[in-house]
N, C-alpha and C. Protein backbone atom coordinates (compact mmCIF):
# COMPACT_ATOMS: atom_id res chain seq x y z
N UNK A 1 107.84 164.06 6.70
CA UNK A 1 106.56 164.68 6.99
C UNK A 1 106.40 164.93 8.49
N UNK A 2 107.04 164.12 9.33
CA UNK A 2 106.95 164.30 10.77
C UNK A 2 108.31 164.56 11.37
N UNK A 3 108.30 165.38 12.40
CA UNK A 3 109.51 165.53 13.19
C UNK A 3 109.71 164.23 13.94
N UNK A 4 110.86 164.04 14.49
CA UNK A 4 111.14 162.83 15.27
C UNK A 4 110.21 162.74 16.47
N UNK A 5 109.98 161.52 16.92
CA UNK A 5 109.21 161.34 18.15
C UNK A 5 109.97 162.00 19.28
N UNK A 6 109.22 162.65 20.15
CA UNK A 6 109.86 163.28 21.31
C UNK A 6 109.00 163.02 22.54
N UNK A 7 109.64 163.02 23.67
CA UNK A 7 108.95 162.83 24.93
C UNK A 7 108.04 164.01 25.20
N UNK A 8 106.80 163.73 25.59
CA UNK A 8 105.85 164.79 25.92
C UNK A 8 106.31 165.53 27.17
N UNK A 9 105.82 166.73 27.33
CA UNK A 9 106.21 167.54 28.49
C UNK A 9 105.81 166.87 29.80
N UNK A 10 104.72 166.10 29.79
CA UNK A 10 104.28 165.41 31.01
C UNK A 10 105.13 164.17 31.30
N UNK A 11 105.86 163.69 30.30
CA UNK A 11 106.70 162.51 30.47
C UNK A 11 105.93 161.21 30.38
N UNK A 12 104.64 161.26 30.11
CA UNK A 12 103.82 160.05 30.08
C UNK A 12 103.65 159.44 28.71
N UNK A 13 104.28 160.01 27.71
CA UNK A 13 104.13 159.48 26.36
C UNK A 13 105.05 160.18 25.40
N UNK A 14 104.93 159.79 24.14
CA UNK A 14 105.73 160.39 23.08
C UNK A 14 104.78 161.02 22.06
N UNK A 15 105.26 162.06 21.41
CA UNK A 15 104.44 162.72 20.41
C UNK A 15 105.22 162.90 19.12
N UNK A 16 104.44 162.97 18.02
CA UNK A 16 104.99 163.29 16.71
C UNK A 16 104.16 164.43 16.17
N UNK A 17 104.83 165.44 15.65
CA UNK A 17 104.15 166.64 15.14
C UNK A 17 104.49 166.78 13.66
N UNK A 18 103.47 166.95 12.81
CA UNK A 18 103.75 167.06 11.38
C UNK A 18 104.51 168.34 11.04
N UNK A 19 105.42 168.21 10.09
CA UNK A 19 106.19 169.36 9.63
C UNK A 19 106.43 169.20 8.14
N UNK A 20 105.78 169.98 7.31
CA UNK A 20 104.95 171.14 7.59
C UNK A 20 103.58 170.73 8.11
N UNK A 21 102.84 171.70 8.66
CA UNK A 21 101.50 171.40 9.18
C UNK A 21 100.62 170.76 8.11
N UNK A 22 99.81 169.82 8.54
CA UNK A 22 98.92 169.09 7.64
C UNK A 22 97.58 168.89 8.31
N UNK A 23 96.60 168.70 7.50
CA UNK A 23 95.25 168.37 7.96
C UNK A 23 95.04 166.88 7.71
N UNK A 24 94.51 166.17 8.69
CA UNK A 24 94.30 164.73 8.57
C UNK A 24 92.81 164.45 8.41
N UNK A 25 92.47 163.64 7.43
CA UNK A 25 91.10 163.18 7.22
C UNK A 25 90.87 162.03 8.20
N UNK A 26 90.29 162.35 9.34
CA UNK A 26 90.13 161.36 10.40
C UNK A 26 89.26 160.18 9.99
N UNK A 27 88.27 160.43 9.14
CA UNK A 27 87.40 159.33 8.68
C UNK A 27 88.21 158.30 7.89
N UNK A 28 89.13 158.76 7.07
CA UNK A 28 89.98 157.83 6.30
C UNK A 28 90.93 157.07 7.20
N UNK A 29 91.50 157.76 8.18
CA UNK A 29 92.40 157.07 9.11
C UNK A 29 91.62 156.03 9.90
N UNK A 30 90.45 156.41 10.37
CA UNK A 30 89.61 155.48 11.13
C UNK A 30 89.30 154.23 10.30
N UNK A 31 88.90 154.42 9.05
CA UNK A 31 88.58 153.30 8.18
C UNK A 31 89.79 152.38 7.99
N UNK A 32 90.96 152.98 7.79
CA UNK A 32 92.18 152.18 7.59
C UNK A 32 92.52 151.38 8.84
N UNK A 33 92.40 152.01 10.00
CA UNK A 33 92.72 151.31 11.24
C UNK A 33 91.71 150.20 11.54
N UNK A 34 90.44 150.49 11.34
CA UNK A 34 89.42 149.48 11.60
C UNK A 34 89.56 148.30 10.64
N UNK A 35 89.99 148.56 9.41
CA UNK A 35 90.23 147.49 8.44
C UNK A 35 91.31 146.54 8.94
N UNK A 36 92.26 147.08 9.72
CA UNK A 36 93.34 146.27 10.29
C UNK A 36 92.94 145.64 11.62
N UNK A 37 91.70 145.87 12.04
CA UNK A 37 91.22 145.27 13.29
C UNK A 37 91.48 146.10 14.53
N UNK A 38 91.87 147.35 14.36
CA UNK A 38 92.14 148.23 15.50
C UNK A 38 90.83 148.90 15.92
N UNK A 39 90.52 148.82 17.19
CA UNK A 39 89.33 149.49 17.74
C UNK A 39 89.64 150.99 17.81
N UNK A 40 88.69 151.81 17.30
CA UNK A 40 88.90 153.25 17.24
C UNK A 40 87.71 153.98 17.86
N UNK A 41 87.99 154.92 18.74
CA UNK A 41 86.97 155.80 19.30
C UNK A 41 87.07 157.11 18.53
N UNK A 42 85.96 157.54 17.94
CA UNK A 42 85.93 158.78 17.17
C UNK A 42 85.35 159.88 18.05
N UNK A 43 86.18 160.84 18.43
CA UNK A 43 85.76 161.95 19.29
C UNK A 43 85.62 163.24 18.48
N UNK A 44 85.30 163.11 17.22
CA UNK A 44 85.10 164.20 16.25
C UNK A 44 86.37 164.95 15.90
N UNK A 45 87.05 165.53 16.84
CA UNK A 45 88.27 166.29 16.55
C UNK A 45 89.53 165.46 16.73
N UNK A 46 89.36 164.22 17.17
CA UNK A 46 90.49 163.31 17.34
C UNK A 46 89.99 161.87 17.34
N UNK A 47 90.92 160.98 17.07
CA UNK A 47 90.66 159.55 17.16
C UNK A 47 91.51 158.98 18.28
N UNK A 48 90.98 157.97 18.95
CA UNK A 48 91.75 157.25 19.95
C UNK A 48 91.82 155.81 19.47
N UNK A 49 93.01 155.38 19.09
CA UNK A 49 93.21 154.03 18.57
C UNK A 49 93.56 153.11 19.73
N UNK A 50 92.77 152.07 19.88
CA UNK A 50 92.98 151.11 20.97
C UNK A 50 94.04 150.09 20.62
N UNK A 51 95.18 150.56 20.21
CA UNK A 51 96.30 149.68 19.89
C UNK A 51 97.22 149.60 21.10
N UNK A 52 98.33 148.91 20.95
CA UNK A 52 99.30 148.83 22.03
C UNK A 52 100.60 149.45 21.53
N UNK A 53 100.93 150.65 21.92
CA UNK A 53 100.26 151.49 22.90
C UNK A 53 99.06 152.23 22.28
N UNK A 54 98.23 152.77 23.15
CA UNK A 54 97.12 153.59 22.69
C UNK A 54 97.67 154.84 22.00
N UNK A 55 96.98 155.26 20.91
CA UNK A 55 97.44 156.41 20.14
C UNK A 55 96.29 157.38 19.97
N UNK A 56 96.55 158.65 20.22
CA UNK A 56 95.58 159.71 19.94
C UNK A 56 96.04 160.42 18.68
N UNK A 57 95.09 160.60 17.74
CA UNK A 57 95.38 161.21 16.46
C UNK A 57 94.49 162.44 16.33
N UNK A 58 95.08 163.63 16.21
CA UNK A 58 94.27 164.85 16.13
C UNK A 58 94.11 165.29 14.68
N UNK A 59 93.14 166.17 14.44
CA UNK A 59 92.87 166.69 13.10
C UNK A 59 94.08 167.38 12.49
N UNK A 60 94.89 167.98 13.34
CA UNK A 60 96.06 168.70 12.82
C UNK A 60 97.27 167.79 12.63
N UNK A 61 97.05 166.48 12.78
CA UNK A 61 98.11 165.52 12.53
C UNK A 61 98.98 165.17 13.71
N UNK A 62 98.79 165.81 14.83
CA UNK A 62 99.59 165.50 16.02
C UNK A 62 99.24 164.10 16.50
N UNK A 63 100.25 163.31 16.79
CA UNK A 63 100.09 161.95 17.26
C UNK A 63 100.65 161.83 18.67
N UNK A 64 99.90 161.22 19.55
CA UNK A 64 100.34 161.01 20.92
C UNK A 64 100.33 159.52 21.22
N UNK A 65 101.48 158.98 21.56
CA UNK A 65 101.64 157.57 21.87
C UNK A 65 101.73 157.43 23.38
N UNK A 66 100.76 156.76 23.98
CA UNK A 66 100.68 156.70 25.43
C UNK A 66 101.51 155.54 25.96
N UNK A 67 102.80 155.78 26.00
CA UNK A 67 103.76 154.82 26.53
C UNK A 67 105.01 155.57 26.96
N UNK A 68 105.68 155.04 27.94
CA UNK A 68 106.97 155.60 28.35
C UNK A 68 108.13 154.88 27.66
N UNK A 69 107.80 153.88 26.84
CA UNK A 69 108.80 153.06 26.15
C UNK A 69 109.06 153.63 24.75
N UNK A 70 110.23 154.20 24.51
CA UNK A 70 110.50 154.81 23.20
C UNK A 70 110.46 153.80 22.06
N UNK A 71 110.87 152.56 22.31
CA UNK A 71 110.85 151.55 21.25
C UNK A 71 109.41 151.19 20.87
N UNK A 72 108.53 151.08 21.85
CA UNK A 72 107.12 150.80 21.57
C UNK A 72 106.50 151.95 20.79
N UNK A 73 106.85 153.18 21.11
CA UNK A 73 106.34 154.34 20.38
C UNK A 73 106.84 154.33 18.94
N UNK A 74 108.11 154.00 18.74
CA UNK A 74 108.67 153.93 17.38
C UNK A 74 107.96 152.87 16.54
N UNK A 75 107.73 151.69 17.12
CA UNK A 75 107.05 150.62 16.39
C UNK A 75 105.63 151.02 16.03
N UNK A 76 104.91 151.62 16.98
CA UNK A 76 103.54 152.05 16.73
C UNK A 76 103.50 153.14 15.67
N UNK A 77 104.45 154.05 15.70
CA UNK A 77 104.52 155.11 14.71
C UNK A 77 104.74 154.52 13.31
N UNK A 78 105.62 153.56 13.19
CA UNK A 78 105.90 152.92 11.90
C UNK A 78 104.65 152.21 11.36
N UNK A 79 103.86 151.58 12.24
CA UNK A 79 102.63 150.90 11.81
C UNK A 79 101.56 151.90 11.39
N UNK A 80 101.49 153.04 12.07
CA UNK A 80 100.44 154.02 11.83
C UNK A 80 100.72 154.94 10.64
N UNK A 81 101.97 155.19 10.36
CA UNK A 81 102.36 156.18 9.35
C UNK A 81 101.70 155.99 7.98
N UNK A 82 101.62 154.78 7.42
CA UNK A 82 100.97 154.65 6.11
C UNK A 82 99.52 155.14 6.10
N UNK A 83 98.76 154.86 7.14
CA UNK A 83 97.37 155.32 7.22
C UNK A 83 97.30 156.83 7.32
N UNK A 84 98.20 157.42 8.09
CA UNK A 84 98.22 158.88 8.24
C UNK A 84 98.62 159.55 6.92
N UNK A 85 99.65 159.05 6.28
CA UNK A 85 100.13 159.66 5.04
C UNK A 85 99.07 159.61 3.94
N UNK A 86 98.29 158.55 3.91
CA UNK A 86 97.27 158.43 2.86
C UNK A 86 96.05 159.32 3.14
N UNK A 87 95.99 159.91 4.32
CA UNK A 87 94.81 160.71 4.70
C UNK A 87 95.16 162.14 5.06
N UNK A 88 96.26 162.66 4.54
CA UNK A 88 96.65 164.03 4.88
C UNK A 88 96.59 164.93 3.66
N UNK A 89 96.36 166.21 3.97
CA UNK A 89 96.32 167.25 2.94
C UNK A 89 97.25 168.37 3.42
N UNK A 90 98.31 168.67 2.67
CA UNK A 90 99.24 169.71 3.09
C UNK A 90 98.63 171.09 3.07
N UNK A 91 99.11 171.92 3.98
CA UNK A 91 98.80 173.33 3.97
C UNK A 91 97.41 173.75 4.39
N UNK A 92 96.66 172.89 5.00
CA UNK A 92 95.32 173.31 5.45
C UNK A 92 95.33 173.58 6.93
């Protein structure tokens, strides 16, 4: 569902982009993360998860991991993926 994590153009983090494009139900993702004790800021069109590393989740499914450590980004992606997959709708 996602392309591999890749270094952002700014070099300050890693990103994952859904393939094919998907729409994410941010309310469901927020509920799943908060249930796990993760602090979440809801900015309407995106969520900011106060995890380590911090993760930005957009409506279009793009994920931004704010770390320069590829291993930390991989671990965070693995933890987040179940919540994202349960809250996506293909083709929207």
